[in-house]
Amino acid sequence: MRPLSPATKSMAIGVFGWLVLVAPLLPPSLQLGDRDTARLYFPVKHFIAETLLRGQLPFWDPWTEGGVSLLGQMTPGVLHPLTLLYAALPFHLAFKLNHLLALLIGGLGAAALAGRLGGSRAVAGVAYGGCGALLSASSSNLPFALGHATVPCALAALIAHLRAPSPLQLLFASALLASCAFAGDPQAMLIGAIFGAALAAREERPWPKVAAWAAVALVLSLPAALPAAAQLARSSRSSIAASERGAFATSAPRLLGLLVPRVFDGTEAETAAAPAGGGPVSFFDVITFGAPALLLAAGAVRARRGPLLLGLAALFCAAAAGDALLAAVVPFWRLFRYPEKLMLPASLALSLAAAIGACERPRWLFRAALVLAAAAAALALLRRELLEVAGLAALTAAALRFTRAPLLAAACFVAALLAASRALQPVPVQAYDRPSLTGQALLRLGGPSEERWRVLTEPGGRLRVPGPMEPHEGRLAAAREAMWPQLAQLDGIEGLAPYFSAPDRDFDLAFHRAPRAMADLFGARFEVIDGPAPLTSESGYGIRELSAPAPRAFLVKSSRSAASAEEAAAALAGIDPRAEAIFLGAAPPAGGTGTAKYARKGPDRIELDLDISAPALAVVGERFDPGWSLRIDGELAPLRAADLSALSFTAPPGRHRAVLNFMPWGLLPGLAAVAAACLALVILHLRRAA
């Protein structure tokens, strides 16, 4: 039997360490349930999994917001390779792995990059794969976790390409960078490009290769980027206010949480209480990096590339507290929110510095570890959390005394285990699987919801926790009882209220200016409120019946034009949208009578059987998107946005079959560009090989 190669041994050790780190979450009775993991990604990924298992493409989600493009929103990460987990594994296991594999990917990527830079692979892998920021992102916000976990992989491949350039290596490195966008976090791709340019500066003649790497990555990202760009152009995200963009900035004192856990970090109880009326909380529950890795990072201060990495860490830490400077200098930076997620690249830079410091081990580092241990032990009389710092610093001093890199990695791993115990907070799987009391009440009142009626909710209101529960489980249960957007579909109920990060500007305007008209237009039969109402669910939420069941497709008697979205929204508040339609620009003729029978043949396909006496204006209670196309009896026909938000078209007289199909705008051109780029690089490789 051939002995295992060093690379295979390192991979096996990395996988084993990852399993130890995530083992508490692997039992089938537990599931991740923090913040958007519970509120957004679980129901969306559940829809994606069910759609894939039916052999369909999950590009359009009809269950939420009156219908929404999942590629247009980008954050669901439909095209990311890990989406295949949902076609191969039971859903609950696939969902956990989709999140937790980010820790393994990030750790292995950091190890590979540290090896390229002359640092300790083990220290870098443990320090980044187990840092508080990446653990918190894996627990609470999947796109940020996967996007930033892939950054070190892309950087390691870039350094390999700079030192031994080849077309296939360029393709591989660019594909890794592009996968940050496929994960749903284009900012991670932008940060990766900045990081890569900084690391490449010491390589020989790097700039043409770095430019090619970034350009090819941009082309490879087009299948995800083009649909998202189309949605962004129609979204309020295209002009974010400074106050919104700066939400969840890290306060300067909290940066001390890199060393001291809990004192400056957010806590699970604070975070869970926030939606129920608590004060502002951090974006990441935990940002702890740990005393061992911080000490080692300090040891790189005079090493080659050490000052660069520490400078990058300082830059991203400062930007996490407020990124106005980067927004003014870096193109497209203004499109992104939540500066605290910049603790992820800061942690990566610190991990690489720690890897270099572990190899350098300057003599003063041992004394510094002892001083930190003694100081933390003394101050622990005031705050007991400092005992952890004292213990980790003493452990680091012992590892430095024996000058063994594996011992240093072990000290970092102990810190990672402690951070994981705080950041990875599971909930019982029944919190997702059991039906909500409000959902059961709605289904008893209205019958099945699918293709028949939707629910209107008030997200952001006070949450009622149905009984004594752990904070994260209680927040999830309360949000489900309130029928918050996306979560309603776990009860088989279609929703209307928006929540995705790139809401359609016109729909959002109409929804807030004329909510009753939007409810009628999209067939919202019930409204769930936190307050008095004719009916009350067993969990205490009020239920109002808004209207009788109405067909999803219908003909309107009249139409009129509006000069602006504001004018249209104001007019909507005073009309019956099932009798009259409002259009931006010239209004199409209306008035024909007849019937329009609606049938959904899949998430992205709607069929209408029309029987009309004269030319008529048909409206479908489904969100308008430029990706929808219409064929009437096989012939292409134009679609318009009625009432700022719904699908509509002019139907000819007689009996006809109208078919609406959805294909995300820009997806096919993006795939064509990817194919062309791959073909060009493969041909170039073959020519060079010949």
Foldseek 3Di string as FASTA:
>chain_A
DDDDDPVVVVLVVLVVLLCVQCVVQPDPQWAQFAACLQVPQLLLLVVCLVQVCVVHQSQWDCQFQLIDGPLQLQQNLSVFPLSCLSVPDPSRNSSLCLLSVLLSLLLQLLLLLLVLVVFHSLLLSLLQSLFLLLLQCSRHGFLLSNLLSLLSNLLSLLSVCLVPNALVSLLVSLCSLLSSSSNRHVVSSVVSLVVNVLVCPPGDPRVVSSVSSNVLSVLLNLLSPVLNVQLLVQFPLVDDDQVQQEAQFQAPVLVCLLEFPPPSAAALQQSLCVLQPHDGHHPGRGRHSYLLLQLLLVLLCPPVCSVVLQVLLVVLNVVSNPVPVCVVPPPPPSSHHRSVSSSSSSSSSSSSSSRHSLVRLDPCSLVVLQVLLVVLVVCCVVPVSSPRRNVLSVQSSVCSVVSDSVSSSVSSSVVSSVSSVRSRDIDGPVLLQPAAQQLVVVCVVAPQAPQWAAEEFDRSYRFQQQDDDDSSSSSSNRCLNRVPTSSSCSSRHRYNDDDRPGDRPLSVLLCVLAVLLLRQLQHHQKYWAQDDEPDATPSGIHIHGNDDIDHQKAFAQEEEEDQDSNRLSNVSNPDNCRHYWYAHDGDDGAHWDWDWDWDAPGSFKIKIKTAIAAWTKMWGSHFDDVQKWKDKQRHTADWGAISSTTTMGIDGHGIIMMMIGGDRPSNVVSVVSSVVSVVVSVVSNVVVVD
